[in-house]
Amino acid sequence: MRVDEPRRDDSPRIEHFAFRADGFRDFVERLERVQVAYRISHVIHLDLCQVNVYDPDGNHIEIGFGAAEKADFAPYVAGAKSTMADTEA
């Protein structure tokens, strides 16, 4: 099931939760291949790149990738890439 935007009903959910991960490029390529909407944010002061997605229940999930993968961030963070609509919950 593809969910581009979070559900906007009164179902219980959390604002977001986060994971740290390795394999930034492979992860983003997989999201694109399976057509999952995402937003990328570069957190400069933490030297971290975040990939933000929503699960089918509308929960915001943040996956953080560290500085060791900085070379892979470059094509994505210049202007912060997003395949989501301009608004978030």
PDB file of N, CA and C in Angstrom:
ATOM      1  N   MET A   1       0.835  -1.172   0.000  1.00  0.00           N
ATOM      2  CA  MET A   1       0.000   0.000   0.000  1.00  0.00           C
ATOM      3  C   MET A   1       0.881   1.237   0.000  1.00  0.00           C
ATOM      4  N   ARG A   2       0.644   2.139  -0.907  1.00  0.00           N
ATOM      5  CA  ARG A   2       1.430   3.376  -0.988  1.00  0.00           C
ATOM      6  C   ARG A   2       0.660   4.501  -0.308  1.00  0.00           C
ATOM      7  N   VAL A   3       1.321   5.201   0.583  1.00  0.00           N
ATOM      8  CA  VAL A   3       0.705   6.332   1.275  1.00  0.00           C
ATOM      9  C   VAL A   3       1.572   7.551   1.046  1.00  0.00           C
ATOM     10  N   ASP A   4       1.055   8.532   0.309  1.00  0.00           N
ATOM     11  CA  ASP A   4       1.813   9.733   0.009  1.00  0.00           C
ATOM     12  C   ASP A   4       1.734  10.763   1.123  1.00  0.00           C
ATOM     13  N   GLU A   5       0.642  10.815   1.811  1.00  0.00           N
ATOM     14  CA  GLU A   5       0.412  11.788   2.875  1.00  0.00           C
ATOM     15  C   GLU A   5      -0.155  11.069   4.089  1.00  0.00           C
ATOM     16  N   PRO A   6       0.102  11.599   5.270  1.00  0.00           N
ATOM     17  CA  PRO A   6      -0.466  10.972   6.464  1.00  0.00           C
ATOM     18  C   PRO A   6      -1.978  11.090   6.462  1.00  0.00           C
ATOM     19  N   ARG A   7      -2.619  10.093   7.084  1.00  0.00           N
ATOM     20  CA  ARG A   7      -4.066  10.171   7.253  1.00  0.00           C
ATOM     21  C   ARG A   7      -4.399  11.342   8.141  1.00  0.00           C
ATOM     22  N   ARG A   8      -5.511  11.937   7.932  1.00  0.00           N
ATOM     23  CA  ARG A   8      -5.913  13.108   8.703  1.00  0.00           C
ATOM     24  C   ARG A   8      -7.173  12.815   9.517  1.00  0.00           C
ATOM     25  N   ASP A   9      -7.225  11.669  10.162  1.00  0.00           N
ATOM     26  CA  ASP A   9      -8.363  11.351  11.010  1.00  0.00           C
ATOM     27  C   ASP A   9      -7.930  11.382  12.468  1.00  0.00           C
ATOM     28  N   ASP A  10      -8.782  10.953  13.369  1.00  0.00           N
ATOM     29  CA  ASP A  10      -8.480  11.013  14.795  1.00  0.00           C
ATOM     30  C   ASP A  10      -7.837   9.741  15.348  1.00  0.00           C
ATOM     31  N   SER A  11      -7.337   8.860  14.484  1.00  0.00           N
ATOM     32  CA  SER A  11      -6.700   7.630  14.950  1.00  0.00           C
ATOM     33  C   SER A  11      -5.475   7.964  15.794  1.00  0.00           C
ATOM     34  N   PRO A  12      -5.276   7.216  16.882  1.00  0.00           N
ATOM     35  CA  PRO A  12      -4.081   7.489  17.699  1.00  0.00           C
ATOM     36  C   PRO A  12      -2.804   7.194  16.917  1.00  0.00           C
ATOM     37  N   ARG A  13      -1.825   8.055  17.063  1.00  0.00           N
ATOM     38  CA  ARG A  13      -0.501   7.830  16.485  1.00  0.00           C
ATOM     39  C   ARG A  13       0.472   8.806  17.136  1.00  0.00           C
ATOM     40  N   ILE A  14       1.732   8.550  16.938  1.00  0.00           N
ATOM     41  CA  ILE A  14       2.762   9.412  17.513  1.00  0.00           C
ATOM     42  C   ILE A  14       3.222  10.415  16.463  1.00  0.00           C
ATOM     43  N   GLU A  15       3.841  11.514  16.905  1.00  0.00           N
ATOM     44  CA  GLU A  15       4.334  12.507  15.932  1.00  0.00           C
ATOM     45  C   GLU A  15       5.382  11.884  15.023  1.00  0.00           C
ATOM     46  N   HIS A  16       6.404  11.270  15.606  1.00  0.00           N
ATOM     47  CA  HIS A  16       7.345  10.503  14.796  1.00  0.00           C
ATOM     48  C   HIS A  16       8.264   9.674  15.671  1.00  0.00           C
ATOM     49  N   PHE A  17       8.901   8.703  15.053  1.00  0.00           N
ATOM     50  CA  PHE A  17       9.957   7.947  15.712  1.00  0.00           C
ATOM     51  C   PHE A  17      11.102   7.818  14.721  1.00  0.00           C
ATOM     52  N   ALA A  18      12.293   7.503  15.254  1.00  0.00           N
ATOM     53  CA  ALA A  18      13.483   7.555  14.408  1.00  0.00           C
ATOM     54  C   ALA A  18      14.362   6.324  14.574  1.00  0.00           C
ATOM     55  N   PHE A  19      15.066   6.022  13.517  1.00  0.00           N
ATOM     56  CA  PHE A  19      16.060   4.952  13.483  1.00  0.00           C
ATOM     57  C   PHE A  19      17.354   5.530  12.931  1.00  0.00           C
ATOM     58  N   ARG A  20      18.487   4.936  13.308  1.00  0.00           N
ATOM     59  CA  ARG A  20      19.770   5.209  12.655  1.00  0.00           C
ATOM     60  C   ARG A  20      20.028   4.030  11.736  1.00  0.00           C
ATOM     61  N   ALA A  21      20.596   4.289  10.588  1.00  0.00           N
ATOM     62  CA  ALA A  21      20.800   3.224   9.614  1.00  0.00           C
ATOM     63  C   ALA A  21      22.061   3.470   8.805  1.00  0.00           C
ATOM     64  N   ASP A  22      22.451   2.462   8.065  1.00  0.00           N
ATOM     65  CA  ASP A  22      23.536   2.519   7.096  1.00  0.00           C
ATOM     66  C   ASP A  22      22.941   2.161   5.737  1.00  0.00           C
ATOM     67  N   GLY A  23      23.583   2.603   4.680  1.00  0.00           N
ATOM     68  CA  GLY A  23      23.132   2.256   3.334  1.00  0.00           C
ATOM     69  C   GLY A  23      22.176   3.277   2.732  1.00  0.00           C
ATOM     70  N   PHE A  24      22.503   4.556   2.893  1.00  0.00           N
ATOM     71  CA  PHE A  24      21.655   5.651   2.429  1.00  0.00           C
ATOM     72  C   PHE A  24      21.239   5.499   0.967  1.00  0.00           C
ATOM     73  N   ARG A  25      22.224   5.378   0.089  1.00  0.00           N
ATOM     74  CA  ARG A  25      21.926   5.322  -1.346  1.00  0.00           C
ATOM     75  C   ARG A  25      21.010   4.152  -1.686  1.00  0.00           C
ATOM     76  N   ASP A  26      21.324   2.963  -1.175  1.00  0.00           N
ATOM     77  CA  ASP A  26      20.486   1.789  -1.442  1.00  0.00           C
ATOM     78  C   ASP A  26      19.067   1.982  -0.906  1.00  0.00           C
ATOM     79  N   PHE A  27      18.954   2.605   0.264  1.00  0.00           N
ATOM     80  CA  PHE A  27      17.643   2.831   0.873  1.00  0.00           C
ATOM     81  C   PHE A  27      16.786   3.759   0.001  1.00  0.00           C
ATOM     82  N   VAL A  28      17.361   4.876  -0.418  1.00  0.00           N
ATOM     83  CA  VAL A  28      16.613   5.835  -1.242  1.00  0.00           C
ATOM     84  C   VAL A  28      16.262   5.208  -2.591  1.00  0.00           C
ATOM     85  N   GLU A  29      17.187   4.486  -3.185  1.00  0.00           N
ATOM     86  CA  GLU A  29      16.900   3.834  -4.466  1.00  0.00           C
ATOM     87  C   GLU A  29      15.758   2.830  -4.326  1.00  0.00           C
ATOM     88  N   ARG A  30      15.720   2.128  -3.200  1.00  0.00           N
ATOM     89  CA  ARG A  30      14.621   1.174  -2.983  1.00  0.00           C
ATOM     90  C   ARG A  30      13.288   1.910  -2.821  1.00  0.00           C
ATOM     91  N   LEU A  31      13.269   3.011  -2.061  1.00  0.00           N
ATOM     92  CA  LEU A  31      12.035   3.786  -1.920  1.00  0.00           C
ATOM     93  C   LEU A  31      11.525   4.229  -3.289  1.00  0.00           C
ATOM     94  N   GLU A  32      12.429   4.688  -4.139  1.00  0.00           N
ATOM     95  CA  GLU A  32      12.029   5.120  -5.471  1.00  0.00           C
ATOM     96  C   GLU A  32      11.520   3.953  -6.312  1.00  0.00           C
ATOM     97  N   ARG A  33      12.190   2.822  -6.209  1.00  0.00           N
ATOM     98  CA  ARG A  33      11.800   1.643  -6.987  1.00  0.00           C
ATOM     99  C   ARG A  33      10.397   1.160  -6.613  1.00  0.00           C
ATOM    100  N   VAL A  34      10.063   1.194  -5.326  1.00  0.00           N
ATOM    101  CA  VAL A  34       8.747   0.719  -4.881  1.00  0.00           C
ATOM    102  C   VAL A  34       7.743   1.856  -4.743  1.00  0.00           C
ATOM    103  N   GLN A  35       8.130   3.048  -5.185  1.00  0.00           N
ATOM    104  CA  GLN A  35       7.280   4.237  -5.247  1.00  0.00           C
ATOM    105  C   GLN A  35       6.708   4.646  -3.888  1.00  0.00           C
ATOM    106  N   VAL A  36       7.604   4.716  -2.894  1.00  0.00           N
ATOM    107  CA  VAL A  36       7.228   5.226  -1.577  1.00  0.00           C
ATOM    108  C   VAL A  36       7.663   6.683  -1.510  1.00  0.00           C
ATOM    109  N   ALA A  37       6.736   7.549  -1.141  1.00  0.00           N
ATOM    110  CA  ALA A  37       7.043   8.978  -1.032  1.00  0.00           C
ATOM    111  C   ALA A  37       7.998   9.210   0.139  1.00  0.00           C
ATOM    112  N   TYR A  38       8.934  10.147  -0.035  1.00  0.00           N
ATOM    113  CA  TYR A  38       9.895  10.455   1.026  1.00  0.00           C
ATOM    114  C   TYR A  38      10.308  11.909   0.932  1.00  0.00           C
ATOM    115  N   ARG A  39      10.891  12.386   2.025  1.00  0.00           N
ATOM    116  CA  ARG A  39      11.481  13.737   2.067  1.00  0.00           C
ATOM    117  C   ARG A  39      12.861  13.596   2.718  1.00  0.00           C
ATOM    118  N   ILE A  40      13.850  14.252   2.151  1.00  0.00           N
ATOM    119  CA  ILE A  40      15.206  14.213   2.690  1.00  0.00           C
ATOM    120  C   ILE A  40      15.542  15.559   3.306  1.00  0.00           C
ATOM    121  N   SER A  41      16.110  15.512   4.501  1.00  0.00           N
ATOM    122  CA  SER A  41      16.563  16.715   5.197  1.00  0.00           C
ATOM    123  C   SER A  41      18.007  16.517   5.618  1.00  0.00           C
ATOM    124  N   HIS A  42      18.830  17.552   5.410  1.00  0.00           N
ATOM    125  CA  HIS A  42      20.221  17.510   5.862  1.00  0.00           C
ATOM    126  C   HIS A  42      20.318  18.330   7.137  1.00  0.00           C
ATOM    127  N   VAL A  43      20.671  17.677   8.239  1.00  0.00           N
ATOM    128  CA  VAL A  43      20.809  18.353   9.528  1.00  0.00           C
ATOM    129  C   VAL A  43      22.290  18.663   9.693  1.00  0.00           C
ATOM    130  N   ILE A  44      22.663  19.841   9.264  1.00  0.00           N
ATOM    131  CA  ILE A  44      24.071  20.215   9.159  1.00  0.00           C
ATOM    132  C   ILE A  44      24.784  20.148  10.507  1.00  0.00           C
ATOM    133  N   HIS A  45      24.180  20.688  11.568  1.00  0.00           N
ATOM    134  CA  HIS A  45      24.871  20.735  12.865  1.00  0.00           C
ATOM    135  C   HIS A  45      25.067  19.345  13.472  1.00  0.00           C
ATOM    136  N   LEU A  46      24.341  18.341  12.998  1.00  0.00           N
ATOM    137  CA  LEU A  46      24.551  16.962  13.457  1.00  0.00           C
ATOM    138  C   LEU A  46      25.292  16.121  12.415  1.00  0.00           C
ATOM    139  N   ASP A  47      25.555  16.711  11.237  1.00  0.00           N
ATOM    140  CA  ASP A  47      26.154  16.000  10.114  1.00  0.00           C
ATOM    141  C   ASP A  47      25.393  14.709   9.841  1.00  0.00           C
ATOM    142  N   LEU A  48      24.094  14.870   9.689  1.00  0.00           N
ATOM    143  CA  LEU A  48      23.171  13.753   9.560  1.00  0.00           C
ATOM    144  C   LEU A  48      22.238  14.027   8.384  1.00  0.00           C
ATOM    145  N   CYS A  49      21.893  12.993   7.666  1.00  0.00           N
ATOM    146  CA  CYS A  49      20.910  13.106   6.605  1.00  0.00           C
ATOM    147  C   CYS A  49      19.712  12.258   7.010  1.00  0.00           C
ATOM    148  N   GLN A  50      18.527  12.869   7.021  1.00  0.00           N
ATOM    149  CA  GLN A  50      17.308  12.179   7.428  1.00  0.00           C
ATOM    150  C   GLN A  50      16.441  11.890   6.215  1.00  0.00           C
ATOM    151  N   VAL A  51      15.931  10.677   6.168  1.00  0.00           N
ATOM    152  CA  VAL A  51      14.927  10.314   5.173  1.00  0.00           C
ATOM    153  C   VAL A  51      13.631  10.147   5.950  1.00  0.00           C
ATOM    154  N   ASN A  52      12.619  10.904   5.573  1.00  0.00           N
ATOM    155  CA  ASN A  52      11.342  10.904   6.279  1.00  0.00           C
ATOM    156  C   ASN A  52      10.277  10.267   5.407  1.00  0.00           C
ATOM    157  N   VAL A  53       9.549   9.304   5.979  1.00  0.00           N
ATOM    158  CA  VAL A  53       8.467   8.605   5.291  1.00  0.00           C
ATOM    159  C   VAL A  53       7.280   8.496   6.242  1.00  0.00           C
ATOM    160  N   TYR A  54       6.144   8.080   5.712  1.00  0.00           N
ATOM    161  CA  TYR A  54       4.953   7.812   6.521  1.00  0.00           C
ATOM    162  C   TYR A  54       4.534   6.374   6.311  1.00  0.00           C
ATOM    163  N   ASP A  55       4.153   5.705   7.407  1.00  0.00           N
ATOM    164  CA  ASP A  55       3.633   4.351   7.282  1.00  0.00           C
ATOM    165  C   ASP A  55       2.148   4.419   6.901  1.00  0.00           C
ATOM    166  N   PRO A  56       1.520   3.278   6.593  1.00  0.00           N
ATOM    167  CA  PRO A  56       0.116   3.293   6.172  1.00  0.00           C
ATOM    168  C   PRO A  56      -0.851   3.881   7.199  1.00  0.00           C
ATOM    169  N   ASP A  57      -0.470   3.931   8.470  1.00  0.00           N
ATOM    170  CA  ASP A  57      -1.320   4.527   9.495  1.00  0.00           C
ATOM    171  C   ASP A  57      -1.062   6.013   9.675  1.00  0.00           C
ATOM    172  N   GLY A  58      -0.149   6.573   8.904  1.00  0.00           N
ATOM    173  CA  GLY A  58       0.130   8.000   8.984  1.00  0.00           C
ATOM    174  C   GLY A  58       1.217   8.373   9.968  1.00  0.00           C
ATOM    175  N   ASN A  59       1.902   7.390  10.558  1.00  0.00           N
ATOM    176  CA  ASN A  59       3.001   7.684  11.476  1.00  0.00           C
ATOM    177  C   ASN A  59       4.220   8.156  10.700  1.00  0.00           C
ATOM    178  N   HIS A  60       4.834   9.229  11.175  1.00  0.00           N
ATOM    179  CA  HIS A  60       6.037   9.795  10.577  1.00  0.00           C
ATOM    180  C   HIS A  60       7.235   8.984  11.067  1.00  0.00           C
ATOM    181  N   ILE A  61       8.014   8.450  10.137  1.00  0.00           N
ATOM    182  CA  ILE A  61       9.199   7.660  10.461  1.00  0.00           C
ATOM    183  C   ILE A  61      10.417   8.376   9.879  1.00  0.00           C
ATOM    184  N   GLU A  62      11.391   8.605  10.745  1.00  0.00           N
ATOM    185  CA  GLU A  62      12.638   9.271  10.343  1.00  0.00           C
ATOM    186  C   GLU A  62      13.749   8.236  10.371  1.00  0.00           C
ATOM    187  N   ILE A  63      14.502   8.129   9.277  1.00  0.00           N
ATOM    188  CA  ILE A  63      15.651   7.224   9.214  1.00  0.00           C
ATOM    189  C   ILE A  63      16.872   8.115   9.013  1.00  0.00           C
ATOM    190  N   GLY A  64      17.785   8.089   9.991  1.00  0.00           N
ATOM    191  CA  GLY A  64      18.957   8.951   9.974  1.00  0.00           C
ATOM    192  C   GLY A  64      20.198   8.213   9.520  1.00  0.00           C
ATOM    193  N   PHE A  65      20.963   8.845   8.657  1.00  0.00           N
ATOM    194  CA  PHE A  65      22.204   8.291   8.131  1.00  0.00           C
ATOM    195  C   PHE A  65      23.348   9.229   8.493  1.00  0.00           C
ATOM    196  N   GLY A  66      24.430   8.671   8.997  1.00  0.00           N
ATOM    197  CA  GLY A  66      25.537   9.457   9.524  1.00  0.00           C
ATOM    198  C   GLY A  66      26.532   9.960   8.500  1.00  0.00           C
ATOM    199  N   ALA A  67      27.506  10.704   9.012  1.00  0.00           N
ATOM    200  CA  ALA A  67      28.497  11.398   8.195  1.00  0.00           C
ATOM    201  C   ALA A  67      29.348  10.460   7.345  1.00  0.00           C
ATOM    202  N   ALA A  68      29.470   9.192   7.733  1.00  0.00           N
ATOM    203  CA  ALA A  68      30.281   8.257   6.957  1.00  0.00           C
ATOM    204  C   ALA A  68      29.737   8.096   5.534  1.00  0.00           C
ATOM    205  N   GLU A  69      28.477   8.445   5.329  1.00  0.00           N
ATOM    206  CA  GLU A  69      27.859   8.312   4.006  1.00  0.00           C
ATOM    207  C   GLU A  69      27.679   9.658   3.311  1.00  0.00           C
ATOM    208  N   LYS A  70      28.403  10.652   3.779  1.00  0.00           N
ATOM    209  CA  LYS A  70      28.259  12.030   3.283  1.00  0.00           C
ATOM    210  C   LYS A  70      28.370  12.140   1.767  1.00  0.00           C
ATOM    211  N   ALA A  71      29.256  11.398   1.144  1.00  0.00           N
ATOM    212  CA  ALA A  71      29.414  11.464  -0.305  1.00  0.00           C
ATOM    213  C   ALA A  71      28.121  11.061  -1.018  1.00  0.00           C
ATOM    214  N   ASP A  72      27.369  10.142  -0.431  1.00  0.00           N
ATOM    215  CA  ASP A  72      26.112   9.706  -1.034  1.00  0.00           C
ATOM    216  C   ASP A  72      24.992  10.728  -0.852  1.00  0.00           C
ATOM    217  N   PHE A  73      25.102  11.614   0.142  1.00  0.00           N
ATOM    218  CA  PHE A  73      24.068  12.617   0.392  1.00  0.00           C
ATOM    219  C   PHE A  73      24.015  13.679  -0.702  1.00  0.00           C
ATOM    220  N   ALA A  74      25.184  14.049  -1.236  1.00  0.00           N
ATOM    221  CA  ALA A  74      25.320  15.226  -2.091  1.00  0.00           C
ATOM    222  C   ALA A  74      24.251  15.357  -3.172  1.00  0.00           C
ATOM    223  N   PRO A  75      23.967  14.322  -3.953  1.00  0.00           N
ATOM    224  CA  PRO A  75      22.956  14.508  -5.007  1.00  0.00           C
ATOM    225  C   PRO A  75      21.555  14.789  -4.463  1.00  0.00           C
ATOM    226  N   TYR A  76      21.331  14.469  -3.212  1.00  0.00           N
ATOM    227  CA  TYR A  76      19.991  14.571  -2.639  1.00  0.00           C
ATOM    228  C   TYR A  76      19.765  15.816  -1.786  1.00  0.00           C
ATOM    229  N   VAL A  77      20.799  16.329  -1.152  1.00  0.00           N
ATOM    230  CA  VAL A  77      20.597  17.409  -0.185  1.00  0.00           C
ATOM    231  C   VAL A  77      20.696  18.811  -0.769  1.00  0.00           C
ATOM    232  N   ALA A  78      21.184  18.954  -1.957  1.00  0.00           N
ATOM    233  CA  ALA A  78      21.222  20.283  -2.580  1.00  0.00           C
ATOM    234  C   ALA A  78      19.785  20.685  -2.900  1.00  0.00           C
ATOM    235  N   GLY A  79      19.174  21.405  -1.997  1.00  0.00           N
ATOM    236  CA  GLY A  79      17.774  21.805  -2.170  1.00  0.00           C
ATOM    237  C   GLY A  79      16.817  20.848  -1.480  1.00  0.00           C
ATOM    238  N   ALA A  80      17.318  19.875  -0.750  1.00  0.00           N
ATOM    239  CA  ALA A  80      16.516  18.918   0.000  1.00  0.00           C
ATOM    240  C   ALA A  80      15.446  18.249  -0.853  1.00  0.00           C
ATOM    241  N   LYS A  81      15.752  17.089  -1.367  1.00  0.00           N
ATOM    242  CA  LYS A  81      14.855  16.349  -2.250  1.00  0.00           C
ATOM    243  C   LYS A  81      13.614  15.861  -1.524  1.00  0.00           C
ATOM    244  N   SER A  82      12.497  15.892  -2.214  1.00  0.00           N
ATOM    245  CA  SER A  82      11.242  15.397  -1.660  1.00  0.00           C
ATOM    246  C   SER A  82      10.382  14.825  -2.771  1.00  0.00           C
ATOM    247  N   THR A  83       9.743  13.696  -2.508  1.00  0.00           N
ATOM    248  CA  THR A  83       8.743  13.158  -3.420  1.00  0.00           C
ATOM    249  C   THR A  83       7.371  13.266  -2.787  1.00  0.00           C
ATOM    250  N   MET A  84       7.286  13.971  -1.637  1.00  0.00           N
ATOM    251  CA  MET A  84       5.998  14.181  -0.952  1.00  0.00           C
ATOM    252  C   MET A  84       5.415  15.519  -1.381  1.00  0.00           C
ATOM    253  N   ALA A  85       4.141  15.688  -1.094  1.00  0.00           N
ATOM    254  CA  ALA A  85       3.509  16.993  -1.295  1.00  0.00           C
ATOM    255  C   ALA A  85       4.167  17.978  -0.345  1.00  0.00           C
ATOM    256  N   ASP A  86       3.953  19.249  -0.524  1.00  0.00           N
ATOM    257  CA  ASP A  86       4.630  20.283   0.239  1.00  0.00           C
ATOM    258  C   ASP A  86       4.231  20.383   1.710  1.00  0.00           C
ATOM    259  N   THR A  87       3.172  19.741   2.135  1.00  0.00           N
ATOM    260  CA  THR A  87       2.729  19.870   3.519  1.00  0.00           C
ATOM    261  C   THR A  87       2.931  18.581   4.287  1.00  0.00           C
ATOM    262  N   GLU A  88       3.204  18.711   5.555  1.00  0.00           N
ATOM    263  CA  GLU A  88       3.310  17.581   6.471  1.00  0.00           C
ATOM    264  C   GLU A  88       2.335  17.806   7.592  1.00  0.00           C
ATOM    265  N   ALA A  89       2.016  16.707   8.309  1.00  0.00           N
ATOM    266  CA  ALA A  89       1.088  16.815   9.444  1.00  0.00           C
ATOM    267  C   ALA A  89       1.694  17.623  10.539  1.00  0.00           C
TER     268      ALA A  89
END
